Protein backbone atom coordinates (compact mmCIF):
# COMPACT_ATOMS: atom_id res chain seq x y z
CA MET A 1 -29.79 19.92 -72.08
CA LYS A 2 -26.21 19.25 -72.19
CA ILE A 3 -24.50 17.93 -68.89
CA THR A 4 -20.79 17.87 -68.65
CA ILE A 5 -19.16 15.51 -66.16
CA TYR A 6 -15.65 15.95 -65.13
CA VAL A 7 -14.03 12.56 -63.88
CA LEU A 8 -11.00 13.02 -61.79
CA LEU A 9 -8.92 9.94 -61.61
CA VAL A 10 -6.57 9.29 -58.91
CA ILE A 11 -3.66 7.01 -59.44
CA PRO A 12 -1.71 6.03 -56.24
CA LEU A 13 1.97 6.80 -56.79
CA PHE A 14 4.71 4.84 -55.10
CA VAL A 15 8.14 6.31 -55.23
CA SER A 16 10.84 3.99 -53.99
CA PHE A 17 14.17 5.74 -53.36
CA SER A 18 17.16 3.82 -52.87
CA GLN A 19 19.76 6.24 -52.18
CA ASN A 20 20.93 7.92 -49.27
CA VAL A 21 19.21 11.29 -48.09
CA GLY A 22 21.73 14.26 -46.94
CA ILE A 23 20.96 17.43 -44.85
CA ASN A 24 23.64 20.22 -45.22
CA THR A 25 25.63 17.62 -47.31
CA THR A 26 25.91 16.61 -50.78
CA ASN A 27 27.53 13.20 -50.39
CA PRO A 28 25.28 11.08 -47.66
CA GLN A 29 27.34 8.24 -46.47
CA ALA A 30 23.91 6.82 -44.27
CA THR A 31 20.44 6.48 -44.97
CA LEU A 32 20.05 9.79 -43.43
CA HIS A 33 23.43 11.76 -43.16
CA VAL A 34 22.96 14.86 -40.99
CA ASN A 35 25.67 17.50 -41.23
CA GLY A 36 25.26 19.55 -38.15
CA ASN A 37 23.33 19.64 -34.96
CA LEU A 38 20.16 17.29 -34.43
CA LYS A 39 17.27 17.92 -31.98
CA PHE A 40 15.37 15.05 -31.17
CA GLU A 41 12.24 15.29 -28.68
CA PRO A 42 11.75 12.03 -26.90
CA ASN A 43 8.05 10.44 -25.90
CA LEU A 44 9.04 10.12 -22.14
CA SER A 45 6.04 8.14 -21.32
CA ILE A 46 7.74 5.00 -23.17
CA SER A 47 10.52 3.35 -21.11
CA ALA A 48 13.73 3.39 -22.62
CA THR A 49 14.99 -0.48 -23.62
CA ARG A 50 18.10 0.25 -25.81
CA LEU A 51 20.87 2.94 -25.61
CA VAL A 52 22.20 4.74 -28.98
CA GLY A 53 25.53 6.48 -29.11
CA VAL A 54 27.73 7.99 -31.54
CA VAL A 55 30.96 6.75 -32.68
CA GLN A 56 34.20 8.23 -33.95
CA ASN A 57 33.29 8.30 -37.25
CA GLY A 58 29.67 9.61 -36.56
CA GLY A 59 27.90 6.70 -37.20
CA THR A 60 25.68 5.42 -34.38
CA ARG A 61 25.51 1.87 -32.66
CA GLU A 62 22.86 0.70 -29.75
CA PHE A 63 22.59 -1.87 -27.48
CA GLU A 64 20.00 -3.27 -25.26
CA LEU A 65 19.64 -2.06 -21.56
CA GLY A 66 19.61 -4.55 -18.75
CA THR A 67 19.40 -5.08 -15.11
CA THR A 68 22.76 -3.53 -14.40
CA PHE A 69 22.24 -0.60 -16.79
CA ASN A 70 19.11 1.09 -17.05
CA ILE A 71 17.40 4.62 -17.59
CA THR A 72 15.72 5.78 -14.65
CA ASN A 73 13.63 9.33 -14.85
CA GLY A 74 15.77 10.47 -17.95
CA THR A 75 18.94 9.47 -15.53
CA LEU A 76 21.54 6.90 -16.88
CA GLU A 77 22.23 4.42 -14.03
CA VAL A 78 25.07 1.79 -13.75
CA THR A 79 24.55 -1.11 -10.99
CA GLU A 80 27.94 -2.93 -10.42
CA SER A 81 27.03 -6.46 -11.08
CA VAL A 82 28.73 -8.36 -7.77
CA ASP A 83 28.31 -11.92 -6.89
CA PRO A 84 26.01 -12.38 -3.86
CA ASN A 85 28.72 -14.68 -2.46
CA ILE A 86 31.14 -11.97 -2.32
CA PHE A 87 31.45 -9.49 0.46
CA LEU A 88 33.50 -6.36 -0.86
CA ILE A 89 36.35 -4.96 1.50
CA GLY A 90 36.60 -1.45 2.35
CA ASP A 91 39.28 0.64 4.35
CA VAL A 92 39.71 3.19 6.91
CA ASP A 93 43.20 4.59 7.70
CA GLN A 94 43.05 5.68 11.21
CA SER A 95 46.59 6.93 11.12
CA ILE A 96 45.28 10.35 10.36
CA THR A 97 42.96 10.26 13.64
CA ALA A 98 45.47 7.96 15.77
CA SER A 99 45.77 10.78 18.32
CA VAL A 100 41.69 10.26 19.16
CA ASN A 101 40.96 7.67 21.61
CA GLN A 102 36.96 7.97 21.22
CA TYR A 103 35.41 7.66 18.13
CA ASN A 104 31.62 9.32 18.40
CA ASN A 105 29.17 9.26 15.36
CA TYR A 106 31.89 7.64 13.25
CA ASP A 107 32.10 8.15 9.82
CA ILE A 108 33.39 5.10 8.23
CA GLY A 109 32.21 5.97 4.77
CA LEU A 110 29.16 4.03 4.46
CA GLY A 111 27.54 6.96 2.55
CA ASP A 112 30.66 7.26 -0.20
CA VAL A 113 33.83 5.33 -0.21
CA ASN A 114 32.47 2.37 1.59
CA GLN A 115 28.88 2.36 0.70
CA ASP A 116 29.01 -1.08 -1.13
CA LYS A 117 31.58 -2.52 1.12
CA THR A 118 30.54 -5.14 3.92
CA VAL A 119 33.90 -5.95 5.48
CA ILE A 120 35.54 -2.67 6.55
CA ARG A 121 39.16 -3.13 7.28
CA PHE A 122 40.62 -0.68 10.25
CA THR A 123 44.36 0.22 10.23
CA GLY A 124 46.67 2.87 11.47
CA GLU A 125 45.87 3.14 15.31
CA THR A 126 48.58 3.60 17.74
CA SER A 127 46.73 2.86 20.81
CA GLY A 128 43.75 1.44 22.34
CA TYR A 129 40.38 3.05 21.18
CA VAL A 130 36.52 3.51 21.60
CA VAL A 131 33.99 3.69 19.13
CA THR A 132 30.30 4.98 20.61
CA GLY A 133 28.61 4.91 17.43
CA PHE A 134 28.67 4.81 13.39
CA ALA A 135 27.05 7.51 11.24
CA GLY A 136 25.12 6.37 8.03
CA GLY A 137 22.97 3.27 9.18
CA TYR A 138 20.05 2.24 7.28
CA ASP A 139 17.49 -0.77 8.06
CA GLY A 140 19.42 -3.90 7.20
CA ARG A 141 22.90 -2.44 6.76
CA ILE A 142 25.39 -5.02 7.69
CA ILE A 143 28.98 -4.26 8.36
CA TYR A 144 32.06 -6.66 9.54
CA PHE A 145 34.22 -4.11 11.76
CA TYR A 146 37.98 -5.85 10.89
CA ASN A 147 40.32 -4.32 13.46
CA SER A 148 43.29 -5.52 11.59
CA GLN A 149 45.65 -4.40 14.10
CA PHE A 150 47.03 -5.07 17.38
CA GLN A 151 45.47 -2.09 19.14
CA SER A 152 42.18 -2.86 21.07
CA VAL A 153 38.75 -1.52 20.26
CA THR A 154 35.75 -1.09 22.61
CA PHE A 155 32.30 -0.69 21.52
CA TYR A 156 30.17 1.48 24.00
CA ASN A 157 26.72 0.37 24.57
CA LEU A 158 23.96 3.12 24.25
CA ASN A 159 26.51 5.80 25.12
CA ALA A 160 25.54 9.29 25.03
CA ALA A 161 28.49 10.64 23.27
CA SER A 162 27.03 9.46 19.88
CA ASP A 163 23.47 10.79 18.37
CA SER A 164 20.58 8.42 19.29
CA GLU A 165 20.35 7.28 15.62
CA ASN A 166 24.04 6.25 15.71
CA LYS A 167 24.60 4.21 18.92
CA ILE A 168 25.37 0.76 19.53
CA ILE A 169 23.38 -1.79 21.40
CA THR A 170 25.57 -4.62 22.54
CA GLY A 171 23.15 -6.76 23.63
CA SER A 172 24.56 -7.58 27.22
CA GLY A 173 24.29 -4.23 28.43
CA ALA A 174 27.85 -3.93 28.84
CA ASN A 175 30.69 -2.67 26.76
CA ILE A 176 32.16 -5.01 24.35
CA GLY A 177 35.84 -5.08 22.82
CA ILE A 178 38.32 -6.71 20.87
CA ASN A 179 41.75 -7.14 22.51
CA ASN A 180 43.64 -6.85 19.08
CA VAL A 181 43.04 -8.32 15.77
CA GLY A 182 39.37 -9.40 15.18
CA VAL A 183 36.11 -8.87 13.89
CA ALA A 184 32.96 -7.47 15.24
CA GLU A 185 29.34 -7.92 13.42
CA PHE A 186 26.85 -5.18 13.28
CA ILE A 187 23.48 -4.88 11.68
CA TYR A 188 21.51 -1.51 11.70
CA ASP A 189 17.89 -1.90 13.00
CA GLY A 190 15.65 0.66 11.06
CA ALA A 191 13.00 0.48 13.51
CA ILE A 192 14.73 1.42 16.82
CA GLU A 193 17.54 3.26 14.75
CA LYS A 194 20.28 1.53 16.39
CA TRP A 195 23.34 -0.61 15.50
CA ILE A 196 23.21 -4.04 16.61
CA LEU A 197 26.49 -5.69 17.99
CA VAL A 198 25.71 -9.38 16.55
CA ASN A 199 29.07 -11.06 17.13
CA VAL A 200 32.62 -10.76 18.11
CA ARG A 201 35.37 -12.56 17.25
CA GLY A 202 38.79 -11.90 18.42
């Protein structure tokens, strides 16, 4: 009996390309040069640690993300790096509301233009005025109400003209004011949802 055995010899083949690869281009200028659109589907379960961008000539550059620059739930977020010893100063121009002598639920921009400001400078008032409460408070929020004008301001204690969560507690139970130029310090207590008048200077 004659048996024929066929032996298949497998030889590993390694090919190394030192040249660039191009898609839609015959003259690739990078290891991988794509001329056209590119679709990339990332693994969203992996936290991003670096950001890659395209520069003017079509090349890519990358840099590491940090504490002030990160990606959260697919959204790029930039956090301003601020010296903790610095209180940023915001402004409220009262000239357009100078005819108003009582501010209820006073929106001083704590949710937008003054959201990162601690000292709020008030200007433009033409006569004495009253404040019964501030809008936009949240637990621990501190503001220094800087009345930088020679018009008096009075803060009303638990006044019904403002919504409950915007009211002021003066501490003494009485209304407290600044005769002209001066500063009033407030902190918002989220547990009782009120602004606490901590100190008045002026």
